[in-house]
């Protein structure tokens, strides 16, 4: 389950783990972009670049950082095709 707070932060609740994790607005934007991009990092980077008014390379750096955080938290996993 996902909840966006008034401050733009994201809270994700994992029923499997029985815990909530909270992320700042940047993490929320990345999570939403991943959802909009069908879980594909390339698609999400394009969404973020457009939203943030940056280049895809800059968005990819932030995206990769957050993907690592989400993976470490057990919220997602990656495959060879990112």
N, C-alpha and C. Protein backbone atom coordinates (compact mmCIF):
# COMPACT_ATOMS: atom_id res chain seq x y z
N UNK A 1 0.84 -1.17 0.00
CA UNK A 1 0.00 0.00 0.00
C UNK A 1 0.89 1.24 0.00
N UNK A 2 0.45 2.26 -0.69
CA UNK A 2 1.21 3.50 -0.79
C UNK A 2 0.35 4.68 -0.37
N UNK A 3 0.98 5.64 0.30
CA UNK A 3 0.30 6.84 0.74
C UNK A 3 1.22 8.03 0.50
N UNK A 4 0.70 9.07 -0.15
CA UNK A 4 1.46 10.30 -0.34
C UNK A 4 1.01 11.29 0.73
N UNK A 5 1.96 11.79 1.50
CA UNK A 5 1.67 12.75 2.57
C UNK A 5 1.56 14.16 2.00
N UNK A 6 0.98 15.05 2.78
CA UNK A 6 0.80 16.44 2.35
C UNK A 6 2.13 17.11 2.01
N UNK A 7 3.21 16.69 2.65
CA UNK A 7 4.52 17.28 2.38
C UNK A 7 5.18 16.69 1.13
N UNK A 8 4.47 15.79 0.45
CA UNK A 8 5.01 15.18 -0.76
C UNK A 8 5.78 13.90 -0.51
N UNK A 9 5.94 13.55 0.76
CA UNK A 9 6.64 12.32 1.10
C UNK A 9 5.78 11.10 0.80
N UNK A 10 6.42 9.98 0.72
CA UNK A 10 5.77 8.73 0.38
C UNK A 10 5.92 7.75 1.53
N UNK A 11 4.82 7.09 1.85
CA UNK A 11 4.88 6.01 2.84
C UNK A 11 4.40 4.74 2.15
N UNK A 12 5.23 3.72 2.21
CA UNK A 12 4.89 2.42 1.64
C UNK A 12 4.76 1.42 2.77
N UNK A 13 3.67 0.68 2.75
CA UNK A 13 3.44 -0.33 3.76
C UNK A 13 3.52 -1.70 3.11
N UNK A 14 4.35 -2.53 3.67
CA UNK A 14 4.50 -3.90 3.19
C UNK A 14 3.78 -4.84 4.13
N UNK A 15 2.71 -5.47 3.63
CA UNK A 15 2.01 -6.44 4.45
C UNK A 15 2.89 -7.66 4.71
N UNK A 16 3.71 -8.00 3.73
CA UNK A 16 4.59 -9.16 3.89
C UNK A 16 5.59 -8.96 5.03
N UNK A 17 6.08 -7.72 5.18
CA UNK A 17 7.06 -7.42 6.23
C UNK A 17 6.41 -6.81 7.47
N UNK A 18 5.15 -6.38 7.33
CA UNK A 18 4.44 -5.79 8.47
C UNK A 18 5.02 -4.48 8.93
N UNK A 19 5.54 -3.69 8.00
CA UNK A 19 6.14 -2.41 8.39
C UNK A 19 5.90 -1.35 7.33
N UNK A 20 5.99 -0.10 7.78
CA UNK A 20 5.89 1.04 6.88
C UNK A 20 7.26 1.67 6.72
N UNK A 21 7.52 2.15 5.53
CA UNK A 21 8.75 2.87 5.26
C UNK A 21 8.37 4.21 4.66
N UNK A 22 9.04 5.27 5.10
CA UNK A 22 8.72 6.61 4.62
C UNK A 22 9.90 7.18 3.85
N UNK A 23 9.57 7.85 2.73
CA UNK A 23 10.58 8.43 1.86
C UNK A 23 10.24 9.89 1.59
N UNK A 24 11.27 10.69 1.30
CA UNK A 24 11.07 12.11 1.03
C UNK A 24 10.42 12.32 -0.34
N UNK A 25 10.08 13.57 -0.68
CA UNK A 25 9.42 13.83 -1.97
C UNK A 25 10.19 13.34 -3.19
N UNK A 26 11.50 13.36 -3.13
CA UNK A 26 12.29 12.85 -4.25
C UNK A 26 12.06 11.35 -4.43
N UNK A 27 12.04 10.63 -3.33
CA UNK A 27 11.76 9.19 -3.38
C UNK A 27 10.35 8.93 -3.89
N UNK A 28 9.42 9.78 -3.49
CA UNK A 28 8.04 9.64 -3.96
C UNK A 28 7.97 9.83 -5.47
N UNK A 29 8.67 10.84 -5.98
CA UNK A 29 8.67 11.11 -7.42
C UNK A 29 9.25 9.93 -8.19
N UNK A 30 10.31 9.35 -7.67
CA UNK A 30 10.93 8.20 -8.34
C UNK A 30 9.99 7.00 -8.31
N UNK A 31 9.35 6.74 -7.17
CA UNK A 31 8.42 5.61 -7.07
C UNK A 31 7.27 5.78 -8.08
N UNK A 32 6.72 6.99 -8.14
CA UNK A 32 5.62 7.26 -9.07
C UNK A 32 6.09 7.10 -10.52
N UNK A 33 7.27 7.61 -10.83
CA UNK A 33 7.80 7.49 -12.19
C UNK A 33 8.02 6.02 -12.57
N UNK A 34 8.49 5.23 -11.62
CA UNK A 34 8.66 3.80 -11.89
C UNK A 34 7.31 3.15 -12.18
N UNK A 35 6.30 3.53 -11.43
CA UNK A 35 4.95 2.98 -11.66
C UNK A 35 4.42 3.42 -13.03
N UNK A 36 4.62 4.70 -13.36
CA UNK A 36 4.16 5.22 -14.65
C UNK A 36 4.94 4.60 -15.80
N UNK A 37 6.19 4.25 -15.56
CA UNK A 37 7.05 3.68 -16.59
C UNK A 37 7.02 2.16 -16.64
N UNK A 38 5.97 1.56 -16.09
CA UNK A 38 5.82 0.10 -16.08
C UNK A 38 7.00 -0.61 -15.43
N UNK A 39 7.62 0.03 -14.45
CA UNK A 39 8.73 -0.57 -13.72
C UNK A 39 10.05 -0.54 -14.46
N UNK A 40 10.07 0.06 -15.61
CA UNK A 40 11.31 0.12 -16.41
C UNK A 40 12.05 1.42 -16.09
N UNK A 41 13.30 1.26 -15.69
CA UNK A 41 14.10 2.41 -15.29
C UNK A 41 14.29 3.41 -16.43
N UNK A 42 14.46 2.93 -17.64
CA UNK A 42 14.63 3.86 -18.77
C UNK A 42 13.41 4.73 -18.95
N UNK A 43 12.23 4.11 -18.86
CA UNK A 43 10.99 4.88 -18.99
C UNK A 43 10.85 5.87 -17.83
N UNK A 44 11.15 5.40 -16.63
CA UNK A 44 11.03 6.26 -15.45
C UNK A 44 11.99 7.44 -15.52
N UNK A 45 13.19 7.22 -16.03
CA UNK A 45 14.16 8.31 -16.17
C UNK A 45 13.63 9.38 -17.12
N UNK A 46 12.96 8.97 -18.18
CA UNK A 46 12.37 9.94 -19.11
C UNK A 46 11.27 10.74 -18.42
N UNK A 47 10.42 10.07 -17.64
CA UNK A 47 9.35 10.73 -16.91
C UNK A 47 9.94 11.74 -15.93
N UNK A 48 10.97 11.34 -15.18
CA UNK A 48 11.60 12.23 -14.21
C UNK A 48 12.28 13.42 -14.88
N UNK A 49 12.98 13.16 -15.95
CA UNK A 49 13.68 14.24 -16.66
C UNK A 49 12.68 15.30 -17.12
N UNK A 50 11.57 14.87 -17.66
CA UNK A 50 10.56 15.82 -18.11
C UNK A 50 9.96 16.58 -16.93
N UNK A 51 9.65 15.85 -15.87
CA UNK A 51 9.04 16.46 -14.69
C UNK A 51 9.97 17.45 -14.00
N UNK A 52 11.25 17.10 -13.90
CA UNK A 52 12.22 17.92 -13.21
C UNK A 52 12.90 18.95 -14.11
N UNK A 53 12.65 18.88 -15.41
CA UNK A 53 13.29 19.82 -16.33
C UNK A 53 14.79 19.61 -16.43
N UNK A 54 15.23 18.35 -16.35
CA UNK A 54 16.65 18.03 -16.44
C UNK A 54 16.87 17.08 -17.61
N UNK A 55 18.10 16.74 -17.83
CA UNK A 55 18.41 15.74 -18.83
C UNK A 55 18.18 14.34 -18.29
N UNK A 56 18.05 13.39 -19.18
CA UNK A 56 17.83 12.01 -18.78
C UNK A 56 19.00 11.47 -17.96
N UNK A 57 20.22 11.88 -18.29
CA UNK A 57 21.40 11.40 -17.56
C UNK A 57 21.33 11.82 -16.09
N UNK A 58 20.95 13.07 -15.84
CA UNK A 58 20.84 13.55 -14.46
C UNK A 58 19.73 12.82 -13.71
N UNK A 59 18.61 12.62 -14.38
CA UNK A 59 17.49 11.90 -13.76
C UNK A 59 17.87 10.45 -13.47
N UNK A 60 18.65 9.85 -14.35
CA UNK A 60 19.07 8.46 -14.16
C UNK A 60 19.94 8.30 -12.92
N UNK A 61 20.79 9.27 -12.64
CA UNK A 61 21.63 9.20 -11.44
C UNK A 61 20.76 9.14 -10.19
N UNK A 62 19.77 10.03 -10.10
CA UNK A 62 18.87 10.04 -8.94
C UNK A 62 18.01 8.78 -8.91
N UNK A 63 17.55 8.36 -10.06
CA UNK A 63 16.74 7.15 -10.16
C UNK A 63 17.53 5.94 -9.66
N UNK A 64 18.75 5.78 -10.11
CA UNK A 64 19.57 4.64 -9.69
C UNK A 64 19.79 4.63 -8.18
N UNK A 65 19.99 5.81 -7.62
CA UNK A 65 20.17 5.91 -6.17
C UNK A 65 18.93 5.40 -5.44
N UNK A 66 17.76 5.82 -5.90
CA UNK A 66 16.53 5.42 -5.25
C UNK A 66 16.20 3.95 -5.50
N UNK A 67 16.49 3.45 -6.67
CA UNK A 67 16.26 2.03 -6.94
C UNK A 67 17.07 1.19 -5.96
N UNK A 68 18.28 1.58 -5.68
CA UNK A 68 19.11 0.86 -4.70
C UNK A 68 18.46 0.88 -3.33
N UNK A 69 17.93 2.04 -2.92
CA UNK A 69 17.26 2.17 -1.63
C UNK A 69 16.03 1.26 -1.58
N UNK A 70 15.22 1.29 -2.64
CA UNK A 70 14.01 0.46 -2.67
C UNK A 70 14.35 -1.03 -2.66
N UNK A 71 15.40 -1.41 -3.37
CA UNK A 71 15.83 -2.81 -3.38
C UNK A 71 16.32 -3.25 -2.00
N UNK A 72 17.13 -2.41 -1.37
CA UNK A 72 17.65 -2.73 -0.04
C UNK A 72 16.52 -2.88 0.97
N UNK A 73 15.44 -2.13 0.77
CA UNK A 73 14.28 -2.19 1.67
C UNK A 73 13.36 -3.36 1.35
N UNK A 74 13.66 -4.08 0.27
CA UNK A 74 12.84 -5.21 -0.12
C UNK A 74 11.55 -4.83 -0.83
N UNK A 75 11.49 -3.61 -1.32
CA UNK A 75 10.27 -3.13 -1.98
C UNK A 75 10.24 -3.43 -3.47
N UNK A 76 11.39 -3.72 -4.03
CA UNK A 76 11.46 -4.05 -5.45
C UNK A 76 12.73 -4.84 -5.70
N UNK A 77 12.83 -5.40 -6.89
CA UNK A 77 14.05 -6.06 -7.31
C UNK A 77 14.30 -5.65 -8.75
N UNK A 78 15.52 -5.82 -9.18
CA UNK A 78 15.85 -5.45 -10.54
C UNK A 78 16.20 -6.70 -11.34
N UNK A 79 16.09 -6.54 -12.64
CA UNK A 79 16.51 -7.57 -13.58
C UNK A 79 17.64 -6.98 -14.40
N UNK A 80 18.17 -7.73 -15.31
CA UNK A 80 19.26 -7.23 -16.14
C UNK A 80 18.83 -6.01 -16.96
N UNK A 81 17.60 -6.02 -17.45
CA UNK A 81 17.11 -4.89 -18.24
C UNK A 81 16.53 -3.85 -17.31
N UNK A 82 17.23 -2.72 -17.17
CA UNK A 82 16.77 -1.65 -16.29
C UNK A 82 16.22 -0.58 -17.15
